[in-house]
Amino acid sequence: MRLKHIVPCLLLFACTNQKEADELAVIERLTDQWQLKGQPSYESWQKIDDTRFEGQGFTALEKDTSITEKFNLTKQGDNWIYHVNLMGKQNPNEVDFKLDSSSTNTLVFNNPKHDFPQSLVYHWPNDTIMQVTLKGEGSSPVYLVFKRR
């Protein structure tokens, strides 16, 4: 009788661990330096550990590099939170997005309370291209295409 109760628990635990491992594998695709196609703008990500990734967005013109944003992705409980700190000179702006879904090559982060964007979609059609879509209610989507450096 007890075995009937143990097997479903073990299956649930195994499925949960597999889902977390699959999610982490997609998140790890961020790690590298990505250049916005046709622009001197970049996203650079590094893995700190299995629960934290850090990165920055920057523009590089000749010998001058300007950091435009800093971000981190952290596991908080059962959720991944994408924290963005825009480095504006007048009004630094910080906002969090929660990972709502992931698949083999897509991550979808949402914050319906933010003005724009409310959704960030990272998609990798292959190992060298990263597509980022910024979406918001009442606004046209912004499409960014990055190439791995």
N, C-alpha and C. Protein backbone atom coordinates (compact mmCIF):
# COMPACT_ATOMS: atom_id res chain seq x y z
N MET A 1 0.82 -1.20 0.00
CA MET A 1 0.00 0.00 0.00
C MET A 1 0.86 1.26 0.00
N ARG A 2 1.88 1.30 0.81
CA ARG A 2 2.71 2.50 0.90
C ARG A 2 3.45 2.78 -0.39
N LEU A 3 3.82 1.75 -1.11
CA LEU A 3 4.52 1.92 -2.37
C LEU A 3 3.68 2.71 -3.37
N LYS A 4 2.35 2.54 -3.30
CA LYS A 4 1.46 3.27 -4.20
C LYS A 4 1.55 4.78 -3.96
N HIS A 5 1.87 5.17 -2.74
CA HIS A 5 1.98 6.59 -2.42
C HIS A 5 3.37 7.13 -2.73
N ILE A 6 4.37 6.31 -2.62
CA ILE A 6 5.75 6.75 -2.84
C ILE A 6 6.04 6.98 -4.32
N VAL A 7 5.57 6.11 -5.19
CA VAL A 7 5.87 6.21 -6.62
C VAL A 7 5.37 7.53 -7.21
N PRO A 8 4.11 7.97 -6.96
CA PRO A 8 3.68 9.26 -7.51
C PRO A 8 4.53 10.43 -6.99
N CYS A 9 4.92 10.37 -5.73
CA CYS A 9 5.76 11.44 -5.17
C CYS A 9 7.12 11.49 -5.86
N LEU A 10 7.71 10.32 -6.10
CA LEU A 10 9.00 10.27 -6.79
C LEU A 10 8.88 10.77 -8.22
N LEU A 11 7.79 10.42 -8.90
CA LEU A 11 7.58 10.90 -10.27
C LEU A 11 7.41 12.41 -10.30
N LEU A 12 6.65 12.96 -9.36
CA LEU A 12 6.46 14.41 -9.29
C LEU A 12 7.79 15.10 -9.04
N PHE A 13 8.60 14.58 -8.13
CA PHE A 13 9.91 15.15 -7.82
C PHE A 13 10.81 15.10 -9.05
N ALA A 14 10.82 13.98 -9.76
CA ALA A 14 11.66 13.83 -10.96
C ALA A 14 11.22 14.80 -12.05
N CYS A 15 9.92 14.97 -12.24
CA CYS A 15 9.41 15.90 -13.26
C CYS A 15 9.75 17.34 -12.91
N THR A 16 9.63 17.70 -11.64
CA THR A 16 9.96 19.05 -11.19
C THR A 16 11.44 19.33 -11.41
N ASN A 17 12.30 18.38 -11.05
CA ASN A 17 13.74 18.56 -11.25
C ASN A 17 14.08 18.66 -12.73
N GLN A 18 13.42 17.89 -13.58
CA GLN A 18 13.68 17.95 -15.02
C GLN A 18 13.25 19.30 -15.58
N LYS A 19 12.10 19.81 -15.14
CA LYS A 19 11.61 21.11 -15.60
C LYS A 19 12.61 22.20 -15.21
N GLU A 20 13.09 22.17 -13.98
CA GLU A 20 14.07 23.16 -13.52
C GLU A 20 15.37 23.05 -14.32
N ALA A 21 15.81 21.83 -14.60
CA ALA A 21 17.05 21.63 -15.38
C ALA A 21 16.86 22.14 -16.81
N ASP A 22 15.71 21.89 -17.41
CA ASP A 22 15.43 22.37 -18.76
C ASP A 22 15.39 23.89 -18.80
N GLU A 23 14.76 24.50 -17.80
CA GLU A 23 14.66 25.95 -17.70
C GLU A 23 16.06 26.57 -17.57
N LEU A 24 16.88 25.99 -16.71
CA LEU A 24 18.25 26.48 -16.51
C LEU A 24 19.05 26.38 -17.81
N ALA A 25 18.87 25.30 -18.56
CA ALA A 25 19.60 25.13 -19.82
C ALA A 25 19.25 26.24 -20.81
N VAL A 26 18.00 26.67 -20.84
CA VAL A 26 17.61 27.77 -21.74
C VAL A 26 18.20 29.09 -21.23
N ILE A 27 18.12 29.32 -19.94
CA ILE A 27 18.67 30.55 -19.36
C ILE A 27 20.17 30.65 -19.62
N GLU A 28 20.87 29.53 -19.58
CA GLU A 28 22.31 29.53 -19.82
C GLU A 28 22.66 29.99 -21.23
N ARG A 29 21.70 29.96 -22.14
CA ARG A 29 21.95 30.44 -23.51
C ARG A 29 22.26 31.93 -23.53
N LEU A 30 21.85 32.65 -22.48
CA LEU A 30 22.16 34.08 -22.39
C LEU A 30 23.66 34.34 -22.30
N THR A 31 24.38 33.44 -21.63
CA THR A 31 25.77 33.69 -21.30
C THR A 31 26.65 33.84 -22.53
N ASP A 32 27.15 35.04 -22.70
CA ASP A 32 28.09 35.39 -23.76
C ASP A 32 27.96 36.89 -24.00
N GLN A 33 28.63 37.37 -25.03
CA GLN A 33 28.48 38.76 -25.43
C GLN A 33 27.74 38.77 -26.76
N TRP A 34 26.69 39.59 -26.82
CA TRP A 34 25.81 39.66 -27.98
C TRP A 34 25.84 41.08 -28.53
N GLN A 35 26.02 41.22 -29.85
CA GLN A 35 26.02 42.54 -30.48
C GLN A 35 24.73 42.74 -31.26
N LEU A 36 24.10 43.90 -31.02
CA LEU A 36 22.91 44.27 -31.76
C LEU A 36 23.30 44.45 -33.22
N LYS A 37 22.62 43.75 -34.11
CA LYS A 37 22.99 43.79 -35.53
C LYS A 37 22.97 45.22 -36.06
N GLY A 38 24.11 45.60 -36.69
CA GLY A 38 24.23 46.91 -37.32
C GLY A 38 24.44 48.06 -36.36
N GLN A 39 24.65 47.77 -35.08
CA GLN A 39 24.79 48.82 -34.07
C GLN A 39 26.00 48.54 -33.17
N PRO A 40 26.57 49.57 -32.55
CA PRO A 40 27.66 49.36 -31.59
C PRO A 40 27.11 49.12 -30.18
N SER A 41 25.97 48.42 -30.09
CA SER A 41 25.32 48.14 -28.81
C SER A 41 25.40 46.66 -28.50
N TYR A 42 25.56 46.33 -27.21
CA TYR A 42 25.84 44.97 -26.80
C TYR A 42 25.06 44.60 -25.56
N GLU A 43 24.83 43.30 -25.39
CA GLU A 43 24.40 42.70 -24.14
C GLU A 43 25.46 41.67 -23.80
N SER A 44 25.89 41.69 -22.56
CA SER A 44 26.89 40.73 -22.11
C SER A 44 26.38 40.08 -20.82
N TRP A 45 26.37 38.74 -20.79
CA TRP A 45 25.85 37.99 -19.65
C TRP A 45 26.90 37.01 -19.15
N GLN A 46 26.91 36.80 -17.84
CA GLN A 46 27.75 35.75 -17.27
C GLN A 46 26.97 35.00 -16.20
N LYS A 47 27.27 33.73 -16.09
CA LYS A 47 26.64 32.89 -15.07
C LYS A 47 27.47 33.00 -13.80
N ILE A 48 26.82 33.36 -12.71
CA ILE A 48 27.48 33.43 -11.40
C ILE A 48 27.39 32.05 -10.74
N ASP A 49 26.20 31.50 -10.73
CA ASP A 49 25.97 30.12 -10.25
C ASP A 49 24.62 29.68 -10.81
N ASP A 50 24.11 28.54 -10.38
CA ASP A 50 22.86 28.00 -10.94
C ASP A 50 21.62 28.81 -10.57
N THR A 51 21.76 29.83 -9.72
CA THR A 51 20.62 30.64 -9.32
C THR A 51 20.79 32.12 -9.64
N ARG A 52 21.89 32.48 -10.30
CA ARG A 52 22.14 33.90 -10.56
C ARG A 52 22.98 34.09 -11.83
N PHE A 53 22.48 35.02 -12.67
CA PHE A 53 23.18 35.46 -13.87
C PHE A 53 23.23 36.98 -13.82
N GLU A 54 24.33 37.56 -14.28
CA GLU A 54 24.46 39.02 -14.29
C GLU A 54 24.88 39.48 -15.67
N GLY A 55 24.46 40.69 -16.00
CA GLY A 55 24.83 41.22 -17.30
C GLY A 55 24.73 42.72 -17.35
N GLN A 56 25.10 43.23 -18.52
CA GLN A 56 24.98 44.66 -18.75
C GLN A 56 24.76 44.92 -20.23
N GLY A 57 24.10 46.02 -20.50
CA GLY A 57 23.96 46.51 -21.85
C GLY A 57 24.87 47.71 -21.98
N PHE A 58 25.57 47.81 -23.10
CA PHE A 58 26.48 48.94 -23.27
C PHE A 58 26.64 49.29 -24.74
N THR A 59 27.09 50.51 -24.95
CA THR A 59 27.40 51.00 -26.29
C THR A 59 28.89 51.29 -26.32
N ALA A 60 29.55 50.85 -27.39
CA ALA A 60 31.00 51.06 -27.53
C ALA A 60 31.26 51.85 -28.81
N LEU A 61 31.74 53.06 -28.65
CA LEU A 61 32.12 53.91 -29.78
C LEU A 61 33.59 54.23 -29.66
N GLU A 62 34.37 53.73 -30.61
CA GLU A 62 35.82 53.87 -30.61
C GLU A 62 36.38 53.48 -29.25
N LYS A 63 36.94 54.42 -28.51
CA LYS A 63 37.53 54.08 -27.21
C LYS A 63 36.60 54.39 -26.04
N ASP A 64 35.38 54.83 -26.34
CA ASP A 64 34.43 55.22 -25.30
C ASP A 64 33.36 54.14 -25.16
N THR A 65 33.21 53.62 -23.94
CA THR A 65 32.17 52.64 -23.65
C THR A 65 31.21 53.23 -22.62
N SER A 66 29.93 53.16 -22.93
CA SER A 66 28.91 53.71 -22.05
C SER A 66 27.94 52.60 -21.64
N ILE A 67 27.87 52.32 -20.34
CA ILE A 67 26.93 51.31 -19.84
C ILE A 67 25.53 51.92 -19.81
N THR A 68 24.60 51.27 -20.47
CA THR A 68 23.24 51.79 -20.57
C THR A 68 22.26 51.10 -19.62
N GLU A 69 22.58 49.87 -19.25
CA GLU A 69 21.73 49.14 -18.31
C GLU A 69 22.51 48.01 -17.67
N LYS A 70 22.09 47.67 -16.47
CA LYS A 70 22.63 46.49 -15.78
C LYS A 70 21.44 45.61 -15.47
N PHE A 71 21.68 44.30 -15.54
CA PHE A 71 20.58 43.38 -15.25
C PHE A 71 21.10 42.13 -14.57
N ASN A 72 20.19 41.50 -13.86
CA ASN A 72 20.50 40.20 -13.28
C ASN A 72 19.25 39.35 -13.33
N LEU A 73 19.49 38.08 -13.34
CA LEU A 73 18.42 37.09 -13.37
C LEU A 73 18.67 36.16 -12.20
N THR A 74 17.75 36.15 -11.24
CA THR A 74 17.95 35.37 -10.03
C THR A 74 16.76 34.46 -9.76
N LYS A 75 17.09 33.31 -9.21
CA LYS A 75 16.06 32.35 -8.79
C LYS A 75 15.62 32.77 -7.39
N GLN A 76 14.34 33.09 -7.24
CA GLN A 76 13.78 33.47 -5.95
C GLN A 76 12.62 32.53 -5.65
N GLY A 77 12.89 31.58 -4.75
CA GLY A 77 11.89 30.53 -4.50
C GLY A 77 11.74 29.68 -5.74
N ASP A 78 10.51 29.59 -6.25
CA ASP A 78 10.25 28.82 -7.47
C ASP A 78 10.30 29.67 -8.74
N ASN A 79 10.56 30.97 -8.58
CA ASN A 79 10.49 31.88 -9.72
C ASN A 79 11.86 32.45 -10.11
N TRP A 80 12.01 32.72 -11.41
CA TRP A 80 13.15 33.46 -11.91
C TRP A 80 12.70 34.90 -12.10
N ILE A 81 13.49 35.84 -11.54
CA ILE A 81 13.18 37.26 -11.64
C ILE A 81 14.29 37.96 -12.43
N TYR A 82 13.89 38.66 -13.47
CA TYR A 82 14.79 39.44 -14.32
C TYR A 82 14.72 40.88 -13.83
N HIS A 83 15.81 41.38 -13.27
CA HIS A 83 15.87 42.72 -12.71
C HIS A 83 16.70 43.60 -13.64
N VAL A 84 16.10 44.71 -14.10
CA VAL A 84 16.78 45.63 -15.01
C VAL A 84 16.96 46.97 -14.32
N ASN A 85 18.16 47.52 -14.42
CA ASN A 85 18.47 48.85 -13.90
C ASN A 85 18.95 49.69 -15.07
N LEU A 86 18.06 50.57 -15.57
CA LEU A 86 18.44 51.46 -16.67
C LEU A 86 19.30 52.58 -16.10
N MET A 87 20.42 52.83 -16.73
CA MET A 87 21.42 53.74 -16.18
C MET A 87 21.26 55.17 -16.70
N GLY A 88 20.05 55.70 -16.72
CA GLY A 88 19.84 57.07 -17.19
C GLY A 88 20.52 58.07 -16.27
N LYS A 89 21.04 59.12 -16.86
CA LYS A 89 21.76 60.13 -16.08
C LYS A 89 20.84 60.86 -15.10
N GLN A 90 19.61 61.16 -15.55
CA GLN A 90 18.68 61.90 -14.71
C GLN A 90 17.88 61.00 -13.77
N ASN A 91 17.26 59.98 -14.34
CA ASN A 91 16.36 59.14 -13.57
C ASN A 91 16.67 57.66 -13.78
N PRO A 92 17.56 57.11 -12.97
CA PRO A 92 17.76 55.66 -13.09
C PRO A 92 16.43 54.96 -12.85
N ASN A 93 16.18 53.93 -13.61
CA ASN A 93 14.90 53.24 -13.53
C ASN A 93 15.15 51.76 -13.31
N GLU A 94 14.53 51.19 -12.29
CA GLU A 94 14.66 49.77 -12.01
C GLU A 94 13.30 49.10 -12.14
N VAL A 95 13.31 47.92 -12.74
CA VAL A 95 12.05 47.19 -12.91
C VAL A 95 12.34 45.69 -12.91
N ASP A 96 11.39 44.91 -12.41
CA ASP A 96 11.50 43.46 -12.36
C ASP A 96 10.48 42.82 -13.30
N PHE A 97 10.89 41.71 -13.90
CA PHE A 97 10.02 40.90 -14.74
C PHE A 97 10.11 39.46 -14.26
N LYS A 98 9.00 38.77 -14.23
CA LYS A 98 8.97 37.37 -13.78
C LYS A 98 8.97 36.46 -15.01
N LEU A 99 9.78 35.40 -14.95
CA LEU A 99 9.77 34.40 -16.01
C LEU A 99 8.44 33.64 -15.93
N ASP A 100 7.61 33.81 -16.96
CA ASP A 100 6.30 33.16 -16.96
C ASP A 100 6.27 31.88 -17.78
N SER A 101 7.16 31.79 -18.78
CA SER A 101 7.20 30.56 -19.56
C SER A 101 8.55 30.41 -20.23
N SER A 102 8.87 29.16 -20.52
CA SER A 102 10.10 28.86 -21.23
C SER A 102 9.87 27.61 -22.08
N SER A 103 10.63 27.54 -23.16
CA SER A 103 10.63 26.35 -24.00
C SER A 103 12.07 26.08 -24.39
N THR A 104 12.30 25.20 -25.29
CA THR A 104 13.65 24.81 -25.68
C THR A 104 14.53 26.00 -26.04
N ASN A 105 13.96 27.02 -26.69
CA ASN A 105 14.77 28.15 -27.10
C ASN A 105 14.08 29.50 -26.92
N THR A 106 13.19 29.60 -25.94
CA THR A 106 12.47 30.85 -25.69
C THR A 106 12.26 31.07 -24.19
N LEU A 107 12.45 32.32 -23.77
CA LEU A 107 12.15 32.74 -22.40
C LEU A 107 11.18 33.92 -22.49
N VAL A 108 10.11 33.89 -21.69
CA VAL A 108 9.13 34.97 -21.69
C VAL A 108 9.02 35.54 -20.28
N PHE A 109 9.39 36.81 -20.14
CA PHE A 109 9.34 37.52 -18.87
C PHE A 109 8.22 38.56 -18.95
N ASN A 110 7.44 38.70 -17.86
CA ASN A 110 6.33 39.64 -17.86
C ASN A 110 6.28 40.48 -16.60
N ASN A 111 5.79 41.71 -16.78
CA ASN A 111 5.44 42.59 -15.69
C ASN A 111 4.29 43.46 -16.21
N PRO A 112 3.03 43.02 -15.99
CA PRO A 112 1.89 43.76 -16.55
C PRO A 112 1.70 45.15 -15.94
N LYS A 113 2.35 45.44 -14.82
CA LYS A 113 2.21 46.76 -14.18
C LYS A 113 3.18 47.80 -14.74
N HIS A 114 4.18 47.36 -15.51
CA HIS A 114 5.15 48.29 -16.08
C HIS A 114 4.57 48.93 -17.34
N ASP A 115 4.93 50.21 -17.60
CA ASP A 115 4.36 50.89 -18.76
C ASP A 115 4.85 50.28 -20.08
N PHE A 116 6.15 50.26 -20.30
CA PHE A 116 6.71 49.62 -21.48
C PHE A 116 8.16 49.30 -21.21
N PRO A 117 8.57 48.11 -21.51
CA PRO A 117 7.77 46.99 -22.00
C PRO A 117 7.08 46.28 -20.83
N GLN A 118 6.05 45.55 -21.14
CA GLN A 118 5.38 44.70 -20.16
C GLN A 118 5.83 43.26 -20.32
N SER A 119 6.39 42.98 -21.49
CA SER A 119 6.84 41.62 -21.79
C SER A 119 8.18 41.68 -22.52
N LEU A 120 9.09 40.80 -22.12
CA LEU A 120 10.39 40.62 -22.78
C LEU A 120 10.44 39.18 -23.25
N VAL A 121 10.66 38.98 -24.53
CA VAL A 121 10.74 37.62 -25.07
C VAL A 121 12.13 37.45 -25.67
N TYR A 122 12.88 36.50 -25.12
CA TYR A 122 14.18 36.13 -25.65
C TYR A 122 14.00 34.83 -26.42
N HIS A 123 14.50 34.83 -27.66
CA HIS A 123 14.35 33.65 -28.51
C HIS A 123 15.65 33.40 -29.27
N TRP A 124 16.07 32.15 -29.31
CA TRP A 124 17.28 31.74 -30.02
C TRP A 124 16.89 30.82 -31.18
N PRO A 125 16.84 31.33 -32.43
CA PRO A 125 16.55 30.45 -33.55
C PRO A 125 17.71 29.51 -33.86
N ASN A 126 18.91 29.90 -33.41
CA ASN A 126 20.10 29.05 -33.54
C ASN A 126 21.12 29.50 -32.50
N ASP A 127 22.31 28.92 -32.51
CA ASP A 127 23.31 29.22 -31.48
C ASP A 127 23.99 30.57 -31.62
N THR A 128 23.84 31.23 -32.76
CA THR A 128 24.56 32.49 -32.97
C THR A 128 23.65 33.71 -33.00
N ILE A 129 22.34 33.51 -32.98
CA ILE A 129 21.38 34.62 -33.05
C ILE A 129 20.48 34.60 -31.82
N MET A 130 20.30 35.79 -31.24
CA MET A 130 19.37 35.97 -30.12
C MET A 130 18.40 37.09 -30.52
N GLN A 131 17.13 36.77 -30.54
CA GLN A 131 16.10 37.76 -30.87
C GLN A 131 15.41 38.18 -29.58
N VAL A 132 15.28 39.49 -29.37
CA VAL A 132 14.60 40.01 -28.19
C VAL A 132 13.43 40.86 -28.67
N THR A 133 12.26 40.56 -28.15
CA THR A 133 11.06 41.32 -28.50
C THR A 133 10.54 42.00 -27.24
N LEU A 134 10.33 43.31 -27.34
CA LEU A 134 9.76 44.10 -26.24
C LEU A 134 8.32 44.40 -26.60
N LYS A 135 7.39 44.04 -25.72
CA LYS A 135 5.97 44.22 -26.01
C LYS A 135 5.30 44.99 -24.88
N GLY A 136 4.28 45.76 -25.25
CA GLY A 136 3.49 46.48 -24.27
C GLY A 136 2.12 46.78 -24.83
N GLU A 137 1.16 46.84 -23.95
CA GLU A 137 -0.21 47.11 -24.36
C GLU A 137 -0.30 48.50 -24.98
N GLY A 138 -0.90 48.57 -26.17
CA GLY A 138 -1.08 49.86 -26.83
C GLY A 138 0.16 50.36 -27.55
N SER A 139 1.23 49.58 -27.57
CA SER A 139 2.47 49.98 -28.25
C SER A 139 2.86 48.92 -29.27
N SER A 140 3.51 49.38 -30.31
CA SER A 140 4.04 48.44 -31.29
C SER A 140 5.21 47.69 -30.69
N PRO A 141 5.36 46.40 -30.98
CA PRO A 141 6.50 45.65 -30.46
C PRO A 141 7.81 46.20 -31.02
N VAL A 142 8.87 46.07 -30.24
CA VAL A 142 10.21 46.44 -30.68
C VAL A 142 10.98 45.14 -30.84
N TYR A 143 11.56 44.94 -32.01
CA TYR A 143 12.31 43.73 -32.32
C TYR A 143 13.79 44.03 -32.39
N LEU A 144 14.58 43.30 -31.64
CA LEU A 144 16.04 43.45 -31.63
C LEU A 144 16.66 42.11 -32.00
N VAL A 145 17.65 42.17 -32.86
CA VAL A 145 18.35 40.95 -33.26
C VAL A 145 19.82 41.11 -32.88
N PHE A 146 20.30 40.17 -32.07
CA PHE A 146 21.69 40.18 -31.61
C PHE A 146 22.44 39.00 -32.23
N LYS A 147 23.72 39.21 -32.47
CA LYS A 147 24.58 38.15 -32.97
C LYS A 147 25.65 37.87 -31.92
N ARG A 148 25.89 36.59 -31.67
CA ARG A 148 26.92 36.19 -30.70
C ARG A 148 28.28 36.67 -31.21
N ARG A 149 29.08 37.22 -30.31
CA ARG A 149 30.43 37.68 -30.68
C ARG A 149 31.46 36.65 -30.38
